[in-house]
Protein backbone atom coordinates (compact mmCIF):
# COMPACT_ATOMS: atom_id res chain seq x y z
CA UNK A 1 -21.37 -6.96 -105.32
CA UNK A 2 -18.21 -6.28 -103.34
CA UNK A 3 -19.42 -8.54 -100.55
CA UNK A 4 -20.19 -11.34 -103.01
CA UNK A 5 -16.78 -10.94 -104.59
CA UNK A 6 -15.09 -11.11 -101.20
CA UNK A 7 -17.10 -14.21 -100.28
CA UNK A 8 -16.16 -15.82 -103.60
CA UNK A 9 -12.47 -15.02 -103.09
CA UNK A 10 -12.61 -16.28 -99.51
CA UNK A 11 -14.32 -19.50 -100.63
CA UNK A 12 -11.70 -20.08 -103.32
CA UNK A 13 -8.87 -19.47 -100.85
CA UNK A 14 -10.40 -21.89 -98.32
CA UNK A 15 -10.96 -24.50 -101.02
CA UNK A 16 -7.41 -24.25 -102.32
CA UNK A 17 -5.96 -24.31 -98.81
CA UNK A 18 -7.96 -27.35 -97.66
CA UNK A 19 -7.20 -29.31 -100.85
CA UNK A 20 -3.57 -28.22 -101.26
CA UNK A 21 -2.13 -31.75 -100.96
CA UNK A 22 -4.98 -33.70 -102.51
CA UNK A 23 -3.00 -34.44 -105.66
CA UNK A 24 -0.17 -36.08 -103.70
CA UNK A 25 -1.11 -39.68 -104.48
CA UNK A 26 -2.39 -38.96 -107.99
CA UNK A 27 1.04 -37.56 -108.91
CA UNK A 28 2.61 -40.81 -107.72
CA UNK A 29 0.13 -43.10 -109.43
CA UNK A 30 -1.27 -44.46 -106.17
CA UNK A 31 -4.95 -45.37 -106.28
CA UNK A 32 -7.23 -43.84 -103.66
CA UNK A 33 -10.76 -42.69 -103.04
CA UNK A 34 -11.44 -39.09 -104.10
CA UNK A 35 -10.81 -36.75 -101.15
CA UNK A 36 -13.19 -33.95 -100.21
CA UNK A 37 -12.12 -30.46 -99.09
CA UNK A 38 -10.97 -30.10 -95.50
CA UNK A 39 -11.73 -33.72 -94.52
CA UNK A 40 -9.88 -35.64 -97.23
CA UNK A 41 -11.08 -39.25 -96.73
CA UNK A 42 -11.36 -38.81 -92.98
CA UNK A 43 -14.93 -37.51 -92.61
CA UNK A 44 -16.48 -40.68 -91.16
CA UNK A 45 -13.70 -41.11 -88.63
CA UNK A 46 -13.86 -37.52 -87.39
CA UNK A 47 -17.54 -37.94 -86.54
CA UNK A 48 -17.15 -41.37 -84.96
CA UNK A 49 -18.98 -43.18 -87.75
CA UNK A 50 -16.11 -45.49 -88.72
CA UNK A 51 -12.93 -46.34 -86.85
CA UNK A 52 -9.64 -45.94 -88.71
CA UNK A 53 -9.24 -49.71 -88.45
CA UNK A 54 -12.54 -50.34 -90.20
CA UNK A 55 -11.73 -47.70 -92.81
CA UNK A 56 -8.42 -49.43 -93.49
CA UNK A 57 -10.16 -52.80 -93.87
CA UNK A 58 -12.66 -51.22 -96.24
CA UNK A 59 -9.97 -49.72 -98.49
CA UNK A 60 -7.81 -52.85 -98.29
CA UNK A 61 -10.70 -54.90 -99.67
CA UNK A 62 -11.75 -52.27 -102.20
CA UNK A 63 -8.39 -52.30 -104.03
CA UNK A 64 -7.40 -56.00 -104.07
CA UNK A 65 -4.84 -55.68 -106.87
CA UNK A 66 -2.86 -52.78 -105.38
CA UNK A 67 0.26 -53.05 -103.24
CA UNK A 68 -0.55 -49.74 -101.53
CA UNK A 69 -3.62 -47.50 -101.28
CA UNK A 70 -3.63 -43.75 -100.69
CA UNK A 71 -5.61 -41.99 -97.96
CA UNK A 72 -5.97 -38.38 -96.82
CA UNK A 73 -6.36 -37.42 -93.18
CA UNK A 74 -7.55 -33.90 -93.88
CA UNK A 75 -4.83 -32.51 -96.14
CA UNK A 76 -2.14 -34.93 -95.01
CA UNK A 77 -1.37 -37.98 -97.17
CA UNK A 78 -1.20 -41.45 -95.63
CA UNK A 79 -0.33 -44.78 -97.21
CA UNK A 80 -2.16 -48.05 -96.48
CA UNK A 81 0.23 -50.92 -97.20
CA UNK A 82 -1.27 -54.11 -98.63
CA UNK A 83 1.94 -55.85 -99.69
CA UNK A 84 3.76 -57.98 -97.09
CA UNK A 85 7.23 -57.32 -98.51
CA UNK A 86 6.70 -53.57 -98.27
CA UNK A 87 5.35 -54.05 -94.73
CA UNK A 88 8.43 -56.07 -93.80
CA UNK A 89 10.74 -53.31 -95.04
CA UNK A 90 8.85 -50.63 -93.12
CA UNK A 91 8.73 -52.59 -89.87
CA UNK A 92 12.23 -54.08 -89.97
CA UNK A 93 14.45 -53.76 -93.07
CA UNK A 94 14.20 -49.99 -93.45
CA UNK A 95 13.18 -49.25 -89.88
CA UNK A 96 15.58 -46.29 -89.71
CA UNK A 97 13.21 -44.49 -92.11
CA UNK A 98 10.10 -45.43 -90.14
CA UNK A 99 10.94 -45.46 -86.44
CA UNK A 100 8.24 -42.90 -85.57
CA UNK A 101 4.79 -44.20 -84.70
CA UNK A 102 3.14 -40.82 -85.05
CA UNK A 103 0.35 -41.39 -82.53
CA UNK A 104 1.51 -38.88 -79.94
CA UNK A 105 0.37 -35.32 -79.53
CA UNK A 106 1.87 -32.35 -77.71
CA UNK A 107 3.48 -33.92 -74.63
CA UNK A 108 3.92 -30.51 -73.00
CA UNK A 109 0.14 -30.21 -72.91
CA UNK A 110 -0.55 -33.94 -72.44
CA UNK A 111 2.33 -35.36 -70.36
CA UNK A 112 0.69 -38.81 -70.12
CA UNK A 113 1.67 -39.23 -73.77
CA UNK A 114 5.36 -39.20 -72.83
CA UNK A 115 5.02 -42.96 -72.57
CA UNK A 116 6.86 -45.67 -74.51
CA UNK A 117 3.94 -46.35 -76.87
CA UNK A 118 3.40 -42.75 -77.96
CA UNK A 119 6.81 -41.05 -77.92
CA UNK A 120 9.12 -41.10 -80.91
CA UNK A 121 12.77 -40.54 -81.69
CA UNK A 122 15.40 -40.51 -78.96
CA UNK A 123 12.88 -40.62 -76.12
CA UNK A 124 11.44 -43.85 -77.51
CA UNK A 125 14.87 -45.46 -78.02
CA UNK A 126 16.10 -44.62 -74.51
CA UNK A 127 12.88 -45.76 -72.83
CA UNK A 128 12.67 -48.96 -74.83
CA UNK A 129 16.20 -49.98 -73.90
CA UNK A 130 15.69 -49.33 -70.20
CA UNK A 131 12.20 -50.81 -69.85
CA UNK A 132 12.91 -54.07 -71.69
CA UNK A 133 14.39 -55.76 -68.56
CA UNK A 134 10.92 -55.65 -66.97
CA UNK A 135 9.74 -58.40 -69.35
CA UNK A 136 12.42 -61.11 -69.19
CA UNK A 137 11.54 -64.80 -68.80
CA UNK A 138 12.78 -64.73 -65.21
CA UNK A 139 10.49 -61.79 -64.43
CA UNK A 140 7.53 -63.55 -66.06
CA UNK A 141 8.06 -66.66 -63.97
CA UNK A 142 8.39 -64.57 -60.83
CA UNK A 143 5.08 -62.86 -61.62
CA UNK A 144 3.14 -66.07 -62.18
CA UNK A 145 2.01 -66.60 -58.55
CA UNK A 146 0.31 -63.19 -58.85
CA UNK A 147 -1.48 -64.44 -61.96
CA UNK A 148 -2.69 -67.49 -60.05
CA UNK A 149 -3.99 -65.36 -57.21
CA UNK A 150 -5.94 -63.17 -59.62
CA UNK A 151 -7.22 -66.21 -61.53
CA UNK A 152 -8.58 -67.78 -58.30
CA UNK A 153 -10.49 -64.60 -57.54
CA UNK A 154 -11.89 -64.57 -61.08
CA UNK A 155 -13.08 -68.18 -60.75
CA UNK A 156 -14.99 -67.25 -57.61
CA UNK A 157 -16.76 -64.41 -59.42
CA UNK A 158 -17.48 -66.67 -62.42
CA UNK A 159 -18.96 -69.20 -60.01
CA UNK A 160 -21.33 -66.53 -58.71
CA UNK A 161 -22.51 -65.80 -62.25
CA UNK A 162 -22.99 -69.52 -62.90
CA UNK A 163 -24.99 -69.85 -59.68
CA UNK A 164 -27.50 -67.16 -60.61
CA UNK A 165 -28.28 -68.10 -64.20
CA UNK A 166 -24.94 -67.79 -65.87
CA UNK A 167 -25.22 -64.71 -68.08
CA UNK A 168 -22.08 -62.64 -67.83
CA UNK A 169 -20.35 -59.97 -69.92
CA UNK A 170 -17.04 -61.81 -70.38
CA UNK A 171 -15.42 -58.67 -71.79
CA UNK A 172 -16.04 -56.98 -68.45
CA UNK A 173 -15.04 -60.06 -66.43
CA UNK A 174 -11.71 -60.40 -68.28
CA UNK A 175 -11.10 -56.65 -68.01
CA UNK A 176 -11.48 -56.91 -64.23
CA UNK A 177 -9.11 -59.89 -64.15
CA UNK A 178 -6.53 -58.08 -66.30
CA UNK A 179 -6.79 -54.90 -64.25
CA UNK A 180 -6.28 -56.86 -61.02
CA UNK A 181 -3.20 -58.55 -62.46
CA UNK A 182 -1.70 -55.31 -63.78
CA UNK A 183 -2.11 -53.76 -60.34
CA UNK A 184 -0.48 -56.71 -58.61
CA UNK A 185 2.46 -57.35 -60.95
CA UNK A 186 3.00 -53.78 -62.08
CA UNK A 187 2.28 -51.63 -59.07
CA UNK A 188 2.39 -54.04 -56.17
CA UNK A 189 -1.11 -53.17 -54.98
CA UNK A 190 -4.37 -55.11 -54.61
CA UNK A 191 -6.91 -53.27 -56.75
CA UNK A 192 -9.89 -55.53 -55.88
CA UNK A 193 -11.41 -54.98 -59.32
CA UNK A 194 -12.50 -58.61 -59.67
CA UNK A 195 -14.86 -58.50 -56.70
CA UNK A 196 -15.83 -54.87 -57.18
CA UNK A 197 -16.84 -53.94 -60.73
CA UNK A 198 -17.12 -50.28 -59.67
CA UNK A 199 -13.65 -50.06 -58.13
CA UNK A 200 -11.55 -46.94 -58.68
CA UNK A 201 -9.19 -48.78 -61.02
CA UNK A 202 -11.92 -50.30 -63.19
CA UNK A 203 -13.55 -46.88 -63.52
CA UNK A 204 -10.14 -45.48 -64.43
CA UNK A 205 -9.81 -48.09 -67.16
CA UNK A 206 -13.21 -47.21 -68.59
CA UNK A 207 -12.37 -43.51 -68.52
CA UNK A 208 -9.10 -43.97 -70.43
CA UNK A 209 -10.85 -45.58 -73.40
CA UNK A 210 -14.01 -43.47 -73.44
CA UNK A 211 -13.98 -40.90 -76.23
CA UNK A 212 -17.06 -38.77 -76.80
CA UNK A 213 -18.22 -35.19 -77.06
CA UNK A 214 -15.36 -32.72 -76.67
CA UNK A 215 -12.75 -35.48 -76.86
CA UNK A 216 -13.92 -36.47 -80.32
CA UNK A 217 -13.94 -32.83 -81.41
CA UNK A 218 -10.40 -32.27 -80.11
CA UNK A 219 -9.06 -35.41 -81.82
CA UNK A 220 -10.80 -34.38 -85.05
CA UNK A 221 -9.23 -30.92 -84.94
CA UNK A 222 -5.82 -32.46 -84.24
CA UNK A 223 -6.17 -34.71 -87.28
CA UNK A 224 -7.48 -32.05 -89.65
CA UNK A 225 -5.63 -28.87 -88.61
CA UNK A 226 -1.87 -29.40 -88.21
CA UNK A 227 -1.45 -25.67 -87.62
CA UNK A 228 -3.27 -25.91 -84.28
CA UNK A 229 -1.41 -28.91 -82.87
CA UNK A 230 1.00 -26.97 -80.70
CA UNK A 231 -1.98 -25.49 -78.86
CA UNK A 232 -4.46 -28.39 -78.74
CA UNK A 233 -4.94 -30.83 -75.93
CA UNK A 234 -7.78 -33.17 -75.10
CA UNK A 235 -10.26 -31.96 -72.51
CA UNK A 236 -8.74 -32.57 -69.10
CA UNK A 237 -9.80 -35.61 -67.12
CA UNK A 238 -8.93 -37.14 -63.78
CA UNK A 239 -6.72 -39.83 -65.35
CA UNK A 240 -3.43 -37.99 -64.97
CA UNK A 241 -4.18 -36.84 -61.44
CA UNK A 242 -5.31 -40.33 -60.36
CA UNK A 243 -2.25 -42.14 -61.73
CA UNK A 244 0.05 -39.48 -60.29
CA UNK A 245 -1.56 -40.00 -56.88
CA UNK A 246 -1.12 -43.78 -57.19
CA UNK A 247 2.56 -43.37 -58.07
CA UNK A 248 3.25 -40.94 -55.25
CA UNK A 249 1.66 -43.23 -52.67
CA UNK A 250 3.68 -46.24 -53.86
CA UNK A 251 6.85 -44.14 -53.99
CA UNK A 252 6.34 -42.91 -50.45
CA UNK A 253 5.60 -46.44 -49.19
CA UNK A 254 8.91 -47.59 -50.67
CA UNK A 255 10.82 -44.52 -49.48
CA UNK A 256 11.52 -43.49 -53.05
CA UNK A 257 13.62 -46.51 -53.96
CA UNK A 258 13.20 -50.12 -55.16
CA UNK A 259 11.91 -52.41 -52.41
CA UNK A 260 12.85 -55.78 -53.91
CA UNK A 261 9.45 -56.66 -55.36
CA UNK A 262 10.98 -56.52 -58.85
CA UNK A 263 7.74 -55.15 -60.27
CA UNK A 264 7.34 -52.40 -62.84
CA UNK A 265 7.35 -49.60 -60.29
CA UNK A 266 10.61 -50.93 -58.80
CA UNK A 267 12.22 -50.60 -62.23
CA UNK A 268 10.90 -47.05 -62.61
CA UNK A 269 12.15 -46.07 -59.14
CA UNK A 270 15.55 -47.47 -60.02
CA UNK A 271 15.62 -45.30 -63.15
CA UNK A 272 14.42 -42.34 -61.08
CA UNK A 273 17.38 -42.78 -58.74
CA UNK A 274 19.77 -42.59 -61.68
CA UNK A 275 18.15 -39.32 -62.69
CA UNK A 276 18.73 -39.52 -66.43
CA UNK A 277 18.82 -42.21 -69.10
CA UNK A 278 21.73 -41.90 -71.51
CA UNK A 279 22.35 -43.45 -74.91
CA UNK A 280 22.94 -42.93 -78.60
CA UNK A 281 20.55 -40.80 -80.65
CA UNK A 282 18.47 -42.39 -83.37
CA UNK A 283 17.89 -39.02 -85.09
CA UNK A 284 21.06 -36.94 -84.70
CA UNK A 285 24.62 -37.62 -85.81
CA UNK A 286 28.04 -36.00 -85.47
CA UNK A 287 29.97 -34.82 -88.52
CA UNK A 288 31.91 -38.10 -88.51
CA UNK A 289 28.63 -40.06 -88.76
CA UNK A 290 28.59 -41.34 -85.17
CA UNK A 291 25.36 -40.92 -83.18
CA UNK A 292 25.09 -37.97 -80.81
CA UNK A 293 24.91 -38.92 -77.12
CA UNK A 294 21.53 -37.95 -75.70
CA UNK A 295 19.81 -37.95 -72.31
CA UNK A 296 16.28 -38.30 -71.01
CA UNK A 297 15.31 -37.09 -67.55
CA UNK A 298 13.22 -39.57 -65.58
CA UNK A 299 11.13 -37.01 -63.74
CA UNK A 300 7.79 -37.69 -62.09
CA UNK A 301 5.77 -36.90 -65.21
CA UNK A 302 7.80 -39.32 -67.30
CA UNK A 303 7.40 -42.08 -64.71
CA UNK A 304 3.65 -41.48 -64.42
CA UNK A 305 3.39 -41.68 -68.23
CA UNK A 306 5.03 -45.15 -68.21
CA UNK A 307 2.68 -46.33 -65.45
CA UNK A 308 -0.25 -45.02 -67.48
CA UNK A 309 0.63 -47.02 -70.61
CA UNK A 310 1.51 -50.16 -68.61
CA UNK A 311 -1.92 -50.02 -67.00
CA UNK A 312 -3.94 -48.98 -70.07
CA UNK A 313 -2.32 -51.21 -72.68
CA UNK A 314 -2.03 -54.14 -70.31
CA UNK A 315 -5.64 -54.52 -69.29
CA UNK A 316 -7.40 -53.43 -72.49
CA UNK A 317 -5.53 -55.56 -75.02
CA UNK A 318 -5.57 -58.71 -72.87
CA UNK A 319 -9.24 -58.40 -71.97
CA UNK A 320 -10.12 -57.90 -75.63
CA UNK A 321 -8.16 -60.98 -76.75
CA UNK A 322 -9.34 -63.33 -73.99
CA UNK A 323 -13.00 -62.35 -74.17
CA UNK A 324 -13.08 -62.77 -77.93
CA UNK A 325 -11.47 -66.20 -77.54
CA UNK A 326 -14.28 -67.19 -75.15
CA UNK A 327 -16.83 -65.71 -77.57
CA UNK A 328 -15.57 -67.96 -80.36
CA UNK A 329 -15.36 -71.04 -78.13
CA UNK A 330 -18.98 -70.51 -77.10
CA UNK A 331 -19.96 -71.02 -80.74
CA UNK A 332 -17.55 -73.93 -81.24
CA UNK A 333 -18.38 -76.40 -78.49
CA UNK A 334 -16.29 -79.26 -79.89
CA UNK A 335 -13.15 -77.12 -79.95
CA UNK A 336 -13.96 -75.92 -76.44
CA UNK A 337 -14.22 -79.52 -75.21
CA UNK A 338 -10.89 -80.42 -76.83
CA UNK A 339 -9.24 -77.51 -75.06
CA UNK A 340 -10.83 -78.43 -71.74
CA UNK A 341 -9.56 -82.01 -72.10
CA UNK A 342 -6.08 -80.63 -72.79
CA UNK A 343 -6.25 -78.38 -69.72
CA UNK A 344 -7.47 -81.27 -67.53
CA UNK A 345 -4.72 -83.56 -68.77
CA UNK A 346 -1.93 -81.00 -68.33
CA UNK A 347 -3.04 -79.90 -64.87
CA UNK A 348 -3.27 -83.53 -63.75
CA UNK A 349 0.51 -83.63 -64.20
CA UNK A 350 0.91 -80.53 -62.03
CA UNK A 351 -1.20 -81.46 -58.98
CA UNK A 352 -4.20 -79.79 -60.60
CA UNK A 353 -2.59 -76.41 -60.09
CA UNK A 354 -1.85 -73.76 -62.67
CA UNK A 355 1.81 -72.89 -63.03
CA UNK A 356 4.09 -71.29 -65.57
CA UNK A 357 5.27 -74.63 -67.01
CA UNK A 358 1.70 -75.93 -67.30
CA UNK A 359 0.72 -73.04 -69.55
CA UNK A 360 3.61 -73.90 -71.88
CA UNK A 361 2.16 -77.41 -72.25
CA UNK A 362 -1.21 -76.27 -73.64
CA UNK A 363 -0.68 -75.90 -77.40
CA UNK A 364 -4.36 -76.13 -78.38
CA UNK A 365 -5.30 -73.35 -75.96
CA UNK A 366 -2.45 -71.26 -77.37
CA UNK A 367 -3.62 -71.95 -80.92
CA UNK A 368 -7.18 -70.88 -80.06
CA UNK A 369 -5.87 -67.68 -78.50
CA UNK A 370 -3.79 -66.90 -81.61
CA UNK A 371 -6.71 -67.65 -83.90
CA UNK A 372 -8.89 -65.22 -81.94
CA UNK A 373 -6.14 -62.60 -82.22
CA UNK A 374 -5.96 -63.25 -85.95
CA UNK A 375 -9.68 -62.69 -86.44
CA UNK A 376 -10.02 -59.68 -84.14
CA UNK A 377 -6.63 -58.23 -83.13
CA UNK A 378 -6.68 -55.76 -80.26
CA UNK A 379 -4.51 -53.42 -82.34
CA UNK A 380 -6.10 -53.59 -85.77
CA UNK A 381 -3.59 -51.25 -87.43
CA UNK A 382 0.15 -50.69 -87.09
CA UNK A 383 1.20 -47.07 -87.50
CA UNK A 384 4.49 -45.60 -88.67
CA UNK A 385 5.69 -42.24 -90.03
CA UNK A 386 8.29 -41.67 -92.73
CA UNK A 387 11.18 -39.75 -91.14
CA UNK A 388 13.20 -39.03 -94.30
CA UNK A 389 12.67 -39.22 -98.05
CA UNK A 390 12.14 -42.88 -98.97
CA UNK A 391 11.68 -44.74 -102.23
CA UNK A 392 9.58 -47.90 -102.05
CA UNK A 393 11.71 -50.47 -103.94
CA UNK A 394 8.77 -52.57 -105.12
CA UNK A 395 7.02 -49.57 -106.70
CA UNK A 396 9.67 -46.94 -107.41
CA UNK A 397 7.48 -44.41 -105.58
CA UNK A 398 9.18 -41.80 -103.38
CA UNK A 399 7.37 -40.53 -100.31
CA UNK A 400 8.29 -37.51 -98.22
CA UNK A 401 9.10 -37.11 -94.52
CA UNK A 402 5.93 -36.86 -92.47
CA UNK A 403 3.85 -39.22 -94.59
CA UNK A 404 2.05 -41.62 -92.28
CA UNK A 405 1.98 -45.35 -92.93
CA UNK A 406 -0.83 -47.72 -91.98
CA UNK A 407 -0.23 -51.47 -92.02
CA UNK A 408 -3.76 -52.86 -91.70
CA UNK A 409 -3.13 -55.93 -89.56
CA UNK A 410 -6.79 -56.85 -89.24
CA UNK A 411 -7.35 -56.70 -92.99
CA UNK A 412 -4.22 -58.73 -93.72
CA UNK A 413 -5.05 -61.36 -91.09
CA UNK A 414 -8.53 -61.81 -92.57
CA UNK A 415 -7.39 -62.04 -96.19
CA UNK A 416 -8.15 -65.37 -97.90
CA UNK A 417 -4.82 -65.00 -99.71
CA UNK A 418 -3.04 -65.84 -96.45
CA UNK A 419 -5.68 -67.76 -94.45
CA UNK A 420 -8.17 -70.17 -96.03
CA UNK A 421 -11.77 -69.33 -95.09
CA UNK A 422 -10.61 -66.49 -92.82
CA UNK A 423 -14.04 -66.01 -91.25
CA UNK A 424 -13.90 -69.56 -89.86
CA UNK A 425 -12.49 -70.11 -86.37
CA UNK A 426 -9.79 -72.75 -86.95
CA UNK A 427 -7.19 -72.83 -84.15
CA UNK A 428 -5.21 -75.65 -85.74
CA UNK A 429 -4.11 -73.40 -88.56
CA UNK A 430 -1.50 -72.30 -85.97
CA UNK A 431 -0.21 -75.83 -85.36
CA UNK A 432 3.59 -76.20 -85.30
CA UNK A 433 3.71 -77.89 -88.69
CA UNK A 434 1.57 -75.18 -90.33
CA UNK A 435 3.17 -72.55 -92.50
CA UNK A 436 1.97 -69.05 -91.67
CA UNK A 437 3.30 -66.58 -94.22
CA UNK A 438 5.65 -64.14 -92.54
CA UNK A 439 4.13 -60.75 -91.77
CA UNK A 440 0.59 -62.02 -92.36
CA UNK A 441 0.05 -62.35 -88.58
CA UNK A 442 0.90 -59.17 -86.71
CA UNK A 443 -1.18 -58.94 -83.50
CA UNK A 444 1.82 -57.66 -81.51
CA UNK A 445 3.51 -55.82 -84.37
CA UNK A 446 7.01 -56.68 -85.59
CA UNK A 447 10.50 -55.22 -85.52
CA UNK A 448 12.06 -52.85 -82.98
CA UNK A 449 8.70 -51.22 -82.18
CA UNK A 450 6.79 -54.44 -81.55
CA UNK A 451 4.81 -54.77 -78.32
CA UNK A 452 7.29 -54.82 -75.44
CA UNK A 453 4.81 -56.65 -73.20
CA UNK A 454 3.67 -59.29 -75.72
CA UNK A 455 4.96 -62.27 -73.73
CA UNK A 456 3.53 -60.95 -70.48
CA UNK A 457 0.16 -60.33 -72.12
CA UNK A 458 0.08 -63.78 -73.67
CA UNK A 459 1.08 -65.48 -70.41
CA UNK A 460 -1.56 -63.66 -68.42
CA UNK A 461 -4.23 -64.24 -71.07
CA UNK A 462 -3.58 -67.97 -71.38
CA UNK A 463 -3.60 -68.36 -67.59
CA UNK A 464 -6.95 -66.56 -67.35
CA UNK A 465 -8.45 -68.69 -70.10
CA UNK A 466 -7.12 -71.92 -68.56
CA UNK A 467 -8.51 -70.98 -65.14
CA UNK A 468 -11.99 -70.31 -66.55
CA UNK A 469 -12.16 -73.29 -68.90
CA UNK A 470 -10.86 -75.73 -66.32
CA UNK A 471 -13.90 -75.15 -64.12
CA UNK A 472 -16.52 -73.67 -66.46
CA UNK A 473 -17.93 -73.90 -69.96
CA UNK A 474 -19.23 -70.97 -72.01
CA UNK A 475 -22.27 -70.88 -74.29
CA UNK A 476 -24.11 -68.17 -76.23
CA UNK A 477 -26.56 -66.24 -74.08
CA UNK A 478 -29.98 -65.04 -75.33
CA UNK A 479 -28.48 -61.57 -75.81
CA UNK A 480 -25.29 -62.78 -77.53
CA UNK A 481 -24.72 -61.54 -81.08
CA UNK A 482 -22.66 -63.67 -83.44
CA UNK A 483 -20.88 -60.78 -85.17
CA UNK A 484 -19.32 -58.12 -82.97
CA UNK A 485 -20.51 -54.53 -83.11
CA UNK A 486 -17.31 -52.51 -83.28
CA UNK A 487 -17.04 -49.30 -81.26
CA UNK A 488 -16.08 -46.81 -83.96
CA UNK A 489 -14.97 -44.07 -81.59
CA UNK A 490 -11.93 -46.17 -80.60
CA UNK A 491 -9.10 -45.95 -83.10
CA UNK A 492 -6.05 -47.57 -81.49
CA UNK A 493 -7.33 -50.46 -79.35
CA UNK A 494 -10.55 -51.94 -80.71
CA UNK A 495 -13.70 -51.74 -78.64
CA UNK A 496 -17.01 -53.61 -78.81
CA UNK A 497 -20.46 -52.09 -78.40
CA UNK A 498 -22.60 -53.81 -75.82
CA UNK A 499 -19.86 -56.04 -74.41
CA UNK A 500 -19.68 -59.80 -74.97
CA UNK A 501 -22.48 -61.51 -73.00
CA UNK A 502 -22.16 -65.29 -72.63
CA UNK A 503 -23.57 -68.00 -70.38
CA UNK A 504 -21.07 -69.39 -67.88
CA UNK A 505 -21.89 -72.90 -66.64
CA UNK A 506 -20.00 -74.99 -64.13
CA UNK A 507 -18.55 -78.15 -65.66
CA UNK A 508 -20.01 -81.40 -64.38
């Protein structure tokens, strides 16, 4: 009897502890699915059955009359924002309350997460200010010859596919193109990923976005057990060691200082020479209300972390967007032909050579790219964290510091309220005279924490698409599926099961 009593008491204690916050949204009148002990609403994500993006889309569509929807990641409350005005305030108007992204983990245990995308607070503000000069218009123009070089290599590989039957996984082809470009413009090295699909750098890219086994368990524990976060890290991999080795070799080749290439590593070496980055705090203030002056040391681990995110975010998001654009064009031959005619006509004015100015003269290609991003954005959700008590003006609801915010970009961009027949591929909905409701199209985010490399990614993507479509056409292959099979183990950048096989045929 004593043992049964102890088990009963233990069970009650565990139940109360793992449901301790599960009345958070009910007390505030926010609709939500009923949470279960320990998991909250997060069970399917923890076990890789449903990505957080797909879960957000599901809840967005389930509660069509709500401005916000509640969610529980374990015991922690999160808020899915459906209303565009509330989203605008979170991303821009009241950014000071929501400047944390909340996607990082313990950077002492996982130093690669000291990068611009994952860090929050003062570290983010200082890095953002100092890394922005890497993406000016002048820098983009200077990088374009590197894009052309990579595009020519890609056309050669595409020609090989066309010559032996044409079936090609365009997701993989565009990933190799993007990886090659990132290596050339970011690190000043020839990665040879286009000609060698098993190159070190392509394998590195695959490894970064592969989550299975112990990795899934570790992420699940991080999400569900806040008490363990100071001790948890993902199972170690070779990613950190490989990128550190790459950086050290480049640094030694350049004698530890900028060499005049004006690439991303040059900027990092320049910051390394200065030793520390200084600026005003976003979190701390003096008694007179002025921001505290803060510093960030640009040590080797911090530099390697920036190289990591430049490489990872650069190749994965661009390859996703370009391959999905080709996937849609394969099923819309008339639109593809219109774009090819536009490319032919523009390049005829530029000696049949791709250049920076030529890309700016291809509005239909740009519209098709944006429409693909609308339908299947690389980043399907935007994440923020409330940093201080905040009352949502539209609802009169007050949320506490630490509450996570999800702005479900994919769900919003596929809502018939903002885009007629959202499942239809209609590039001309992005024509100049069209009115796209503000904050209904968020593939690169918005506000101070928008994607710092958006213009670079778009330039590179459009150049890759123009290079392919100028010489080749794409069609569905026998193994092509019309609707993508989402990889549910990827939660930040969307993945696709089975790739995107298409037929590549040389234009007559």
